Amino acid sequence: MKKILNFINLLLILTSFIFLSSSNKIQANNNFTFSNLSEEECLEFITNKGVNIPDDLTKLPSLGSFVKNCIILLEDNPNTIFSFNNIDTLNLANQIKTVILDYYNDVKEDSITIKTYSTYTLQDSIVYGPWNENYVHYNCYGYAINQTSKYVNPGYYSNKPFSILLSIYNIALLVEDDLYALGYNCVKITSIRPTTIQGDEKVICVRKGNIDYHFMKLSDGVWYHKPGGTAILQYKYLPTKSRIWTNEHSFRNVSYPGTTTYDSDIYYILYNQNHTITSKWTGQHYHSGKQHYYQFERICKLCGYSESKKWEYYFCPGPPCVTPWSYED
C-alpha cells in the first residue's frame, strides 16, 4: 500500500511539473514564437523584463496590439528599424527591441530560427536623395519645420506639454505655438488643403493614428516627409483623408514596410518667416483748412497683424473733398 501511495505522489508531482512547464510559454524550444502569445502575455513579458511604459501609452486600448506587433516584427526581422515620430512611442519600441533580441541571444542558436527580412519596395513614396547619417537625429516634425538638431515633439519650442492622447487639432495648436516661439509669423491652421500659396509662405500638414503622429511639408508643389529617424521621402500623392498614411520608410538604403497607420483628419498649417506688410487706409479721415487728413495702417495682408498707424495729409481745395481712396497705397 505504501508503494502505491508513493507511486501516486510521484505521478502527481510529475503531472504538476508537466503542467507548469507547458503553461510557461516563454521558453526556448523549437516550437516557441512570441506570436503564439496573447497581447496580455506579451505585455506581461516585457514589463517583467523591466520595460518602462509611459503613462500616456498605458491609457491606449491599442497598447497590447502595438507591443505584440513590435515583437512579431522583430521575430521576422531582428534588424527592424522603428520609424515612429512620437518620442514615447519610439522609446517603447526600442526598449521592446532590446528585450526581445537579448532574449534570443540568451537561447541556443539551434533552438530558435529568426527569419531574415525580404526585399520591400515603398508603396506610397519614393526615397528623396542619398542617405545621410544625420537623418537619425531628427523626426518628421523637425524636418517639417526645419529644426534638424534633435528629435522633438510638438510643443517643445513653446515649452508646452505633449501627449499622444491629444486631438489632432490640439496637436496643430502646439505647432502654432512652436512656430511663433521660433520667430515665424502669419500662422494659420485649416482643414482645407491650400491650392495656392502666397510669396514665401510655407505649408505643412499633420495627422495622427492610435499611437503616433506624422507630418509632411510642401515644397515646389510636391509633398515630402521623413518617418522618424529615417530617410526623406517624396510622397506620390496629395494628402487626402481618403488615403491612409503609413510609416513605411527607408533606412541606410534598405526599405521597410509600415508598422503603423495615420487615419485622423488632416490639418494644414501655413506660416511665413516675415509679415507681408502693406499700407492701407483705415477709413478714418477729416478735413481741416486746406488739407485733408487720412489715417493709414501698416498691416500684414496675410494675417492682419497691425505694425503701426499714422495720419497723412494732402492738399484739398474742398469741400467737396478729394476721395480718400485716391491716396490709398
Protein backbone atom coordinates (compact mmCIF):
# COMPACT_ATOMS: atom_id res chain seq x y z
CA MET A 1 0.00 0.00 0.00
CA LYS A 2 2.84 2.34 0.88
CA LYS A 3 4.45 1.70 -2.51
CA ILE A 4 1.18 2.53 -4.25
CA LEU A 5 0.87 5.83 -2.34
CA ASN A 6 4.46 6.75 -3.17
CA PHE A 7 3.80 6.00 -6.82
CA ILE A 8 0.66 8.17 -6.80
CA ASN A 9 2.56 11.04 -5.16
CA LEU A 10 5.33 10.76 -7.72
CA LEU A 11 2.77 10.76 -10.51
CA LEU A 12 1.13 13.89 -9.11
CA ILE A 13 4.49 15.65 -8.88
CA LEU A 14 5.35 14.75 -12.47
CA THR A 15 1.90 15.85 -13.65
CA SER A 16 2.27 19.19 -11.87
CA PHE A 17 5.71 19.70 -13.36
CA ILE A 18 4.45 18.98 -16.86
CA PHE A 19 1.51 21.36 -16.34
CA LEU A 20 3.73 24.19 -15.11
CA SER A 21 6.20 23.69 -17.93
CA SER A 22 3.51 23.75 -20.58
CA SER A 23 1.87 26.84 -19.10
CA ASN A 24 5.16 28.71 -19.13
CA LYS A 25 5.13 29.72 -22.78
CA ILE A 26 8.23 31.88 -22.55
CA GLN A 27 10.81 29.15 -23.03
CA ALA A 28 13.45 28.31 -25.60
CA ASN A 29 12.24 25.45 -27.73
CA ASN A 30 11.90 24.76 -31.39
CA ASN A 31 8.16 25.44 -31.44
CA PHE A 32 8.06 28.68 -29.46
CA THR A 33 7.43 32.07 -31.05
CA PHE A 34 6.08 35.18 -29.40
CA SER A 35 3.31 35.28 -31.98
CA ASN A 36 1.74 32.37 -30.07
CA LEU A 37 1.29 34.60 -27.02
CA SER A 38 -1.73 36.77 -26.33
CA GLU A 39 -1.40 40.55 -26.20
CA GLU A 40 -1.66 40.40 -22.40
CA GLU A 41 1.13 37.82 -22.21
CA CYS A 42 3.37 39.94 -24.44
CA LEU A 43 2.76 42.94 -22.18
CA GLU A 44 3.49 40.85 -19.10
CA PHE A 45 6.72 39.56 -20.63
CA ILE A 46 8.18 42.97 -21.47
CA THR A 47 7.17 44.53 -18.15
CA ASN A 48 8.75 41.60 -16.29
CA LYS A 49 11.91 42.33 -18.27
CA GLY A 50 11.94 45.91 -17.00
CA VAL A 51 10.42 47.77 -19.95
CA ASN A 52 9.01 51.11 -18.80
CA ILE A 53 5.71 52.03 -20.46
CA PRO A 54 4.89 55.78 -20.33
CA ASP A 55 1.63 56.68 -18.59
CA ASP A 56 0.03 58.12 -21.75
CA LEU A 57 0.58 54.89 -23.64
CA THR A 58 -0.90 52.76 -20.86
CA LYS A 59 -4.21 54.56 -21.48
CA LEU A 60 -4.37 53.48 -25.11
CA PRO A 61 -6.63 50.50 -25.90
CA SER A 62 -4.25 49.58 -28.73
CA LEU A 63 -1.19 49.18 -26.46
CA GLY A 64 -1.31 45.37 -26.31
CA SER A 65 -1.66 45.12 -30.07
CA PHE A 66 1.22 47.56 -30.54
CA VAL A 67 3.54 45.58 -28.24
CA LYS A 68 2.73 42.25 -29.86
CA ASN A 69 3.15 43.66 -33.37
CA CYS A 70 6.57 45.08 -32.46
CA ILE A 71 7.64 41.67 -31.15
CA ILE A 72 6.38 39.85 -34.25
CA LEU A 73 8.25 42.30 -36.47
CA LEU A 74 11.45 41.63 -34.54
CA GLU A 75 10.95 37.87 -34.82
CA ASP A 76 10.54 38.25 -38.54
CA ASN A 77 13.48 40.64 -38.87
CA PRO A 78 15.79 41.39 -35.94
CA ASN A 79 17.18 44.29 -37.97
CA THR A 80 13.82 46.09 -37.92
CA ILE A 81 14.21 49.86 -37.70
CA PHE A 82 11.29 51.57 -35.99
CA SER A 83 10.30 54.89 -37.57
CA PHE A 84 7.86 56.31 -35.03
CA ASN A 85 7.80 60.08 -34.51
CA ASN A 86 6.29 60.37 -31.04
CA ILE A 87 9.25 60.13 -28.67
CA ASP A 88 7.45 57.92 -26.11
CA THR A 89 6.29 55.53 -28.82
CA LEU A 90 9.76 55.24 -30.33
CA ASN A 91 11.41 54.73 -26.94
CA LEU A 92 8.94 51.97 -26.07
CA ALA A 93 9.51 50.20 -29.40
CA ASN A 94 13.28 50.35 -28.96
CA GLN A 95 13.03 49.03 -25.38
CA ILE A 96 11.00 46.10 -26.72
CA LYS A 97 13.64 45.53 -29.39
CA THR A 98 16.41 45.36 -26.78
CA VAL A 99 14.47 42.89 -24.60
CA ILE A 100 13.48 40.58 -27.45
CA LEU A 101 16.93 40.48 -29.05
CA ASP A 102 18.55 39.91 -25.65
CA TYR A 103 16.15 37.03 -25.07
CA TYR A 104 17.06 35.36 -28.35
CA ASN A 105 20.75 35.95 -27.74
CA ASP A 106 20.38 34.02 -24.47
CA VAL A 107 18.93 30.90 -26.09
CA LYS A 108 20.96 28.41 -28.07
CA GLU A 109 21.48 29.19 -31.74
CA ASP A 110 19.83 25.92 -32.81
CA SER A 111 16.77 26.35 -30.58
CA ILE A 112 15.08 29.14 -32.49
CA THR A 113 15.04 30.35 -36.06
CA ILE A 114 14.66 34.05 -36.79
CA LYS A 115 13.65 34.80 -40.34
CA THR A 116 15.57 37.40 -42.27
CA TYR A 117 13.77 40.27 -43.96
CA SER A 118 12.65 40.13 -47.54
CA THR A 119 13.12 42.92 -50.04
CA TYR A 120 10.43 45.58 -49.69
CA THR A 121 9.51 48.27 -52.20
CA LEU A 122 7.99 51.52 -50.93
CA GLN A 123 4.35 51.79 -51.98
CA ASP A 124 3.28 55.41 -51.45
CA SER A 125 6.57 57.30 -51.60
CA ILE A 126 10.00 57.29 -53.19
CA VAL A 127 13.32 57.98 -51.49
CA TYR A 128 14.43 61.57 -51.96
CA GLY A 129 18.19 61.94 -52.33
CA PRO A 130 21.05 59.85 -50.92
CA TRP A 131 21.21 58.57 -47.37
CA ASN A 132 22.64 60.98 -44.79
CA GLU A 133 23.70 59.72 -41.36
CA ASN A 134 22.32 62.93 -39.80
CA TYR A 135 18.81 61.65 -40.56
CA VAL A 136 18.88 59.51 -37.40
CA HIS A 137 18.91 62.62 -35.19
CA TYR A 138 15.50 64.13 -36.06
CA ASN A 139 11.96 63.08 -36.88
CA CYS A 140 9.16 64.16 -39.20
CA TYR A 141 8.29 67.18 -37.07
CA GLY A 142 11.81 68.56 -37.05
CA TYR A 143 12.03 68.01 -40.79
CA ALA A 144 8.71 69.75 -41.43
CA ILE A 145 9.65 72.93 -39.53
CA ASN A 146 13.37 72.90 -40.46
CA GLN A 147 14.66 72.12 -36.97
CA THR A 148 17.02 69.22 -37.53
CA SER A 149 19.28 69.20 -34.48
CA LYS A 150 17.21 66.89 -32.28
CA TYR A 151 14.22 64.58 -32.04
CA VAL A 152 11.28 66.59 -30.60
CA ASN A 153 7.50 66.51 -30.24
CA PRO A 154 5.12 69.40 -30.96
CA GLY A 155 5.14 71.86 -28.07
CA TYR A 156 8.86 71.54 -27.42
CA TYR A 157 9.87 75.02 -28.60
CA SER A 158 6.99 76.76 -26.81
CA ASN A 159 7.54 74.73 -23.63
CA LYS A 160 4.08 73.14 -23.84
CA PRO A 161 3.41 69.53 -22.76
CA PHE A 162 2.71 66.97 -25.49
CA SER A 163 0.56 63.87 -25.25
CA ILE A 164 -0.37 61.40 -27.97
CA LEU A 165 -3.83 61.43 -26.36
CA LEU A 166 -4.39 64.98 -27.67
CA SER A 167 -6.77 65.51 -30.57
CA ILE A 168 -5.17 66.20 -33.93
CA TYR A 169 -6.42 69.81 -33.77
CA ASN A 170 -4.79 70.36 -30.38
CA ILE A 171 -1.55 68.95 -31.76
CA ALA A 172 -1.82 71.52 -34.58
CA LEU A 173 -2.26 74.24 -31.94
CA LEU A 174 1.02 73.15 -30.32
CA VAL A 175 2.69 73.53 -33.70
CA GLU A 176 1.28 77.05 -33.97
CA ASP A 177 2.77 77.90 -30.56
CA ASP A 178 6.13 76.45 -31.58
CA LEU A 179 6.25 78.39 -34.83
CA TYR A 180 5.63 81.68 -33.07
CA ALA A 181 8.25 80.76 -30.46
CA LEU A 182 10.72 80.13 -33.28
CA GLY A 183 10.08 83.60 -34.70
CA TYR A 184 7.76 82.72 -37.56
CA ASN A 185 4.68 84.77 -38.37
CA CYS A 186 1.28 84.59 -40.04
CA VAL A 187 0.47 81.11 -38.71
CA LYS A 188 -2.86 79.76 -39.93
CA ILE A 189 -4.49 76.38 -39.25
CA THR A 190 -7.03 74.97 -41.69
CA SER A 191 -8.58 71.61 -42.54
CA ILE A 192 -8.69 72.56 -46.22
CA ARG A 193 -5.64 71.74 -48.31
CA PRO A 194 -4.37 75.01 -49.84
CA THR A 195 -4.29 75.15 -53.61
CA THR A 196 -2.20 78.32 -53.80
CA ILE A 197 0.38 79.89 -51.51
CA GLN A 198 1.49 83.50 -51.32
CA GLY A 199 5.06 84.75 -51.53
CA ASP A 200 7.39 82.92 -49.16
CA GLU A 201 4.54 81.17 -47.35
CA LYS A 202 5.32 77.65 -46.10
CA VAL A 203 2.83 74.80 -45.72
CA ILE A 204 2.99 71.67 -43.58
CA CYS A 205 0.31 69.18 -42.54
CA VAL A 206 -0.18 66.80 -39.62
CA ARG A 207 -2.13 63.63 -38.98
CA LYS A 208 -2.22 61.04 -36.20
CA GLY A 209 -3.04 57.40 -35.59
CA ASN A 210 -3.60 55.35 -32.45
CA ILE A 211 -0.07 55.65 -31.10
CA ASP A 212 1.86 58.08 -33.29
CA TYR A 213 1.65 61.26 -35.40
CA HIS A 214 3.15 62.24 -38.74
CA PHE A 215 3.98 65.45 -40.61
CA MET A 216 4.50 66.31 -44.26
CA LYS A 217 5.66 69.55 -45.85
CA LEU A 218 5.04 71.14 -49.23
CA SER A 219 7.91 72.23 -51.46
CA ASP A 220 7.54 73.34 -55.10
CA GLY A 221 4.17 71.64 -55.38
CA VAL A 222 5.38 68.28 -54.02
CA TRP A 223 4.82 66.81 -50.54
CA TYR A 224 7.80 65.40 -48.62
CA HIS A 225 8.03 63.61 -45.29
CA LYS A 226 10.51 61.83 -43.03
CA PRO A 227 9.29 58.89 -40.92
CA GLY A 228 11.20 59.03 -37.64
CA GLY A 229 14.98 58.86 -37.92
CA THR A 230 14.92 57.53 -41.46
CA ALA A 231 15.34 58.90 -44.97
CA ILE A 232 13.41 61.80 -46.52
CA LEU A 233 10.65 60.55 -48.81
CA GLN A 234 8.71 62.15 -51.64
CA TYR A 235 5.01 61.37 -51.36
CA LYS A 236 3.44 60.20 -54.61
CA TYR A 237 0.04 61.73 -53.89
CA LEU A 238 -1.72 64.75 -52.47
CA PRO A 239 -2.62 64.43 -48.79
CA THR A 240 -6.27 63.37 -48.57
CA LYS A 241 -8.38 61.93 -45.78
CA SER A 242 -9.41 59.02 -48.01
CA ARG A 243 -5.85 57.72 -48.36
CA ILE A 244 -4.43 56.34 -45.12
CA TRP A 245 -0.79 57.16 -44.38
CA THR A 246 1.73 54.60 -43.13
CA ASN A 247 5.23 54.92 -41.73
CA GLU A 248 6.90 52.80 -44.40
CA HIS A 249 10.46 54.01 -44.60
CA SER A 250 14.00 53.65 -45.91
CA PHE A 251 16.98 53.36 -43.57
CA ARG A 252 20.54 53.22 -44.88
CA ASN A 253 19.22 52.35 -48.34
CA VAL A 254 17.04 49.46 -47.15
CA SER A 255 13.26 49.87 -47.37
CA TYR A 256 10.86 48.62 -44.70
CA PRO A 257 7.06 48.25 -44.66
CA GLY A 258 4.95 50.42 -42.38
CA THR A 259 4.35 49.39 -38.80
CA THR A 260 1.54 51.83 -38.01
CA THR A 261 -1.07 53.94 -39.79
CA TYR A 262 -2.36 57.52 -39.58
CA ASP A 263 -6.05 57.95 -40.36
CA SER A 264 -7.25 61.06 -38.48
CA ASP A 265 -8.36 64.31 -40.05
CA ILE A 266 -5.53 66.28 -41.66
CA TYR A 267 -4.73 69.82 -40.55
CA TYR A 268 -2.69 72.15 -42.73
CA ILE A 269 -0.54 74.81 -41.11
CA LEU A 270 0.55 77.82 -43.16
CA TYR A 271 3.22 80.21 -41.92
CA ASN A 272 5.76 82.76 -43.06
CA GLN A 273 9.18 83.93 -41.98
CA ASN A 274 8.16 87.59 -42.15
CA HIS A 275 4.95 89.57 -42.34
CA THR A 276 3.92 90.81 -45.78
CA ILE A 277 3.26 94.45 -44.91
CA THR A 278 1.12 96.77 -46.96
CA SER A 279 -0.23 100.25 -46.20
CA LYS A 280 -3.99 100.55 -46.10
CA TRP A 281 -6.41 103.37 -45.35
CA THR A 282 -8.32 102.61 -42.12
CA GLY A 283 -11.42 104.56 -43.16
CA GLN A 284 -10.70 107.36 -40.68
CA HIS A 285 -10.34 110.88 -42.16
CA TYR A 286 -11.20 114.54 -41.55
CA HIS A 287 -10.84 117.95 -43.26
CA SER A 288 -9.00 120.90 -41.72
CA GLY A 289 -8.29 124.16 -43.51
CA LYS A 290 -6.95 123.40 -46.96
CA GLN A 291 -5.81 119.90 -46.03
CA HIS A 292 -7.49 116.56 -45.67
CA TYR A 293 -6.14 114.02 -43.19
CA TYR A 294 -6.26 110.25 -43.68
CA GLN A 295 -5.26 107.52 -41.26
CA PHE A 296 -3.17 104.73 -42.78
CA GLU A 297 -2.23 101.42 -41.19
CA ARG A 298 0.77 99.24 -41.98
CA ILE A 299 -0.80 95.81 -41.89
CA CYS A 300 0.13 92.25 -42.90
CA LYS A 301 -2.03 91.20 -45.81
CA LEU A 302 -1.65 87.53 -44.84
CA CYS A 303 -2.64 87.54 -41.17
CA GLY A 304 -3.89 91.06 -40.39
CA TYR A 305 -1.09 91.91 -37.96
CA SER A 306 -1.01 95.69 -37.42
CA GLU A 307 2.51 97.11 -37.36
CA SER A 308 1.65 100.80 -36.98
CA LYS A 309 -0.84 103.58 -37.79
CA LYS A 310 -0.20 107.14 -38.85
CA TRP A 311 -2.04 110.19 -40.16
CA GLU A 312 -1.11 111.67 -43.52
CA TYR A 313 -2.46 114.88 -45.05
CA TYR A 314 -2.89 116.11 -48.61
CA PHE A 315 -3.86 119.46 -50.10
CA CYS A 316 -7.61 119.59 -50.51
CA PRO A 317 -9.49 122.60 -52.02
CA GLY A 318 -12.80 121.16 -50.85
CA PRO A 319 -15.34 120.66 -49.82
CA PRO A 320 -16.17 118.61 -51.74
CA CYS A 321 -13.02 116.76 -50.61
CA VAL A 322 -10.73 114.50 -52.55
CA THR A 323 -11.91 110.90 -52.13
CA PRO A 324 -9.81 109.09 -49.53
CA TRP A 325 -9.21 106.00 -51.66
CA SER A 326 -7.36 108.19 -54.15
CA TYR A 327 -4.48 108.19 -51.65
CA GLU A 328 -4.56 104.56 -50.61
CA ASP A 329 -1.21 102.85 -51.24
